[in-house]
Amino acid sequence: MKGRKRNKAKKERFYSDIQFELLFEVVWNIVMFLPRMVARLISNIW
C-alpha cells in the first residue's frame, strides 16, 4: 500500500512539475516576445 501511494505521489508531482515547466515556458516566451514586437512597431512607425 505504501509503495502505491508513493508512486502515485511521485506521478502527481511529476505531472505538476511538467505543467509548471510548460506554463513557465509559455509565460517566458510571451515576456520575451512583447519587447521585440514593440521595438518593431516603433521602428515601422518611424
N, C-alpha and C. Protein backbone atom coordinates (compact mmCIF):
# COMPACT_ATOMS: atom_id res chain seq x y z
N MET A 1 0.82 -1.20 0.00
CA MET A 1 0.00 0.00 0.00
C MET A 1 0.86 1.26 0.00
N LYS A 2 1.89 1.25 0.83
CA LYS A 2 2.72 2.45 0.90
C LYS A 2 3.45 2.69 -0.41
N GLY A 3 3.86 1.63 -1.05
CA GLY A 3 4.56 1.75 -2.33
C GLY A 3 3.67 2.38 -3.39
N ARG A 4 2.41 1.97 -3.41
CA ARG A 4 1.47 2.52 -4.38
C ARG A 4 1.21 4.00 -4.10
N LYS A 5 1.09 4.35 -2.85
CA LYS A 5 0.86 5.76 -2.51
C LYS A 5 2.06 6.61 -2.90
N ARG A 6 3.25 6.08 -2.69
CA ARG A 6 4.46 6.82 -3.05
C ARG A 6 4.54 6.99 -4.57
N ASN A 7 4.25 5.91 -5.29
CA ASN A 7 4.29 6.00 -6.75
C ASN A 7 3.26 7.01 -7.27
N LYS A 8 2.09 6.99 -6.67
CA LYS A 8 1.05 7.93 -7.08
C LYS A 8 1.48 9.37 -6.77
N ALA A 9 2.06 9.56 -5.62
CA ALA A 9 2.53 10.90 -5.25
C ALA A 9 3.65 11.35 -6.18
N LYS A 10 4.55 10.43 -6.55
CA LYS A 10 5.62 10.77 -7.48
C LYS A 10 5.06 11.16 -8.84
N LYS A 11 4.07 10.41 -9.31
CA LYS A 11 3.47 10.71 -10.60
C LYS A 11 2.77 12.07 -10.57
N GLU A 12 2.04 12.33 -9.50
CA GLU A 12 1.35 13.61 -9.39
C GLU A 12 2.35 14.76 -9.34
N ARG A 13 3.43 14.57 -8.60
CA ARG A 13 4.45 15.62 -8.52
C ARG A 13 5.12 15.81 -9.88
N PHE A 14 5.36 14.70 -10.58
CA PHE A 14 5.97 14.76 -11.90
C PHE A 14 5.10 15.54 -12.87
N TYR A 15 3.80 15.24 -12.90
CA TYR A 15 2.89 15.95 -13.79
C TYR A 15 2.76 17.41 -13.37
N SER A 16 2.78 17.66 -12.09
CA SER A 16 2.72 19.03 -11.61
C SER A 16 3.96 19.80 -12.05
N ASP A 17 5.12 19.17 -11.97
CA ASP A 17 6.36 19.81 -12.41
C ASP A 17 6.32 20.08 -13.91
N ILE A 18 5.81 19.14 -14.67
CA ILE A 18 5.72 19.34 -16.12
C ILE A 18 4.79 20.50 -16.45
N GLN A 19 3.65 20.55 -15.77
CA GLN A 19 2.71 21.65 -16.01
C GLN A 19 3.35 22.98 -15.65
N PHE A 20 4.09 23.02 -14.54
CA PHE A 20 4.76 24.25 -14.14
C PHE A 20 5.78 24.66 -15.19
N GLU A 21 6.56 23.70 -15.68
CA GLU A 21 7.57 24.00 -16.70
C GLU A 21 6.92 24.53 -17.97
N LEU A 22 5.84 23.91 -18.41
CA LEU A 22 5.16 24.38 -19.62
C LEU A 22 4.59 25.77 -19.44
N LEU A 23 3.97 26.01 -18.30
CA LEU A 23 3.42 27.33 -18.02
C LEU A 23 4.53 28.37 -17.98
N PHE A 24 5.64 28.04 -17.35
CA PHE A 24 6.78 28.96 -17.27
C PHE A 24 7.31 29.26 -18.67
N GLU A 25 7.43 28.24 -19.51
CA GLU A 25 7.93 28.44 -20.88
C GLU A 25 7.00 29.36 -21.66
N VAL A 26 5.70 29.16 -21.56
CA VAL A 26 4.75 30.00 -22.29
C VAL A 26 4.84 31.44 -21.82
N VAL A 27 4.85 31.64 -20.52
CA VAL A 27 4.94 33.00 -19.97
C VAL A 27 6.27 33.64 -20.37
N TRP A 28 7.35 32.90 -20.29
CA TRP A 28 8.67 33.43 -20.64
C TRP A 28 8.72 33.83 -22.12
N ASN A 29 8.16 33.00 -22.99
CA ASN A 29 8.15 33.34 -24.41
C ASN A 29 7.32 34.59 -24.69
N ILE A 30 6.21 34.74 -24.01
CA ILE A 30 5.39 35.94 -24.19
C ILE A 30 6.14 37.16 -23.71
N VAL A 31 6.78 37.05 -22.56
CA VAL A 31 7.53 38.19 -22.00
C VAL A 31 8.68 38.57 -22.92
N MET A 32 9.35 37.60 -23.52
CA MET A 32 10.47 37.91 -24.41
C MET A 32 9.97 38.40 -25.77
N PHE A 33 8.77 38.03 -26.17
CA PHE A 33 8.24 38.39 -27.48
C PHE A 33 7.73 39.82 -27.50
N LEU A 34 7.10 40.27 -26.42
CA LEU A 34 6.48 41.60 -26.42
C LEU A 34 7.47 42.74 -26.66
N PRO A 35 8.63 42.80 -26.02
CA PRO A 35 9.54 43.91 -26.30
C PRO A 35 10.01 43.94 -27.75
N ARG A 36 10.22 42.77 -28.34
CA ARG A 36 10.62 42.74 -29.75
C ARG A 36 9.52 43.29 -30.64
N MET A 37 8.28 42.94 -30.33
CA MET A 37 7.16 43.44 -31.14
C MET A 37 7.02 44.95 -30.99
N VAL A 38 7.20 45.45 -29.78
CA VAL A 38 7.12 46.89 -29.56
C VAL A 38 8.24 47.60 -30.31
N ALA A 39 9.44 47.05 -30.28
CA ALA A 39 10.57 47.65 -30.99
C ALA A 39 10.31 47.65 -32.50
N ARG A 40 9.77 46.57 -33.03
CA ARG A 40 9.46 46.52 -34.46
C ARG A 40 8.36 47.50 -34.81
N LEU A 41 7.37 47.62 -33.95
CA LEU A 41 6.28 48.55 -34.20
C LEU A 41 6.79 49.98 -34.24
N ILE A 42 7.63 50.33 -33.28
CA ILE A 42 8.19 51.68 -33.23
C ILE A 42 9.07 51.94 -34.46
N SER A 43 9.90 50.97 -34.83
CA SER A 43 10.77 51.17 -36.00
C SER A 43 9.95 51.27 -37.29
N ASN A 44 8.84 50.58 -37.37
CA ASN A 44 7.99 50.67 -38.57
C ASN A 44 7.24 52.00 -38.64
N ILE A 45 6.87 52.53 -37.49
CA ILE A 45 6.15 53.81 -37.47
C ILE A 45 7.09 54.94 -37.88
N TRP A 46 8.33 54.91 -37.40
CA TRP A 46 9.28 55.97 -37.73
C TRP A 46 9.99 55.58 -38.96
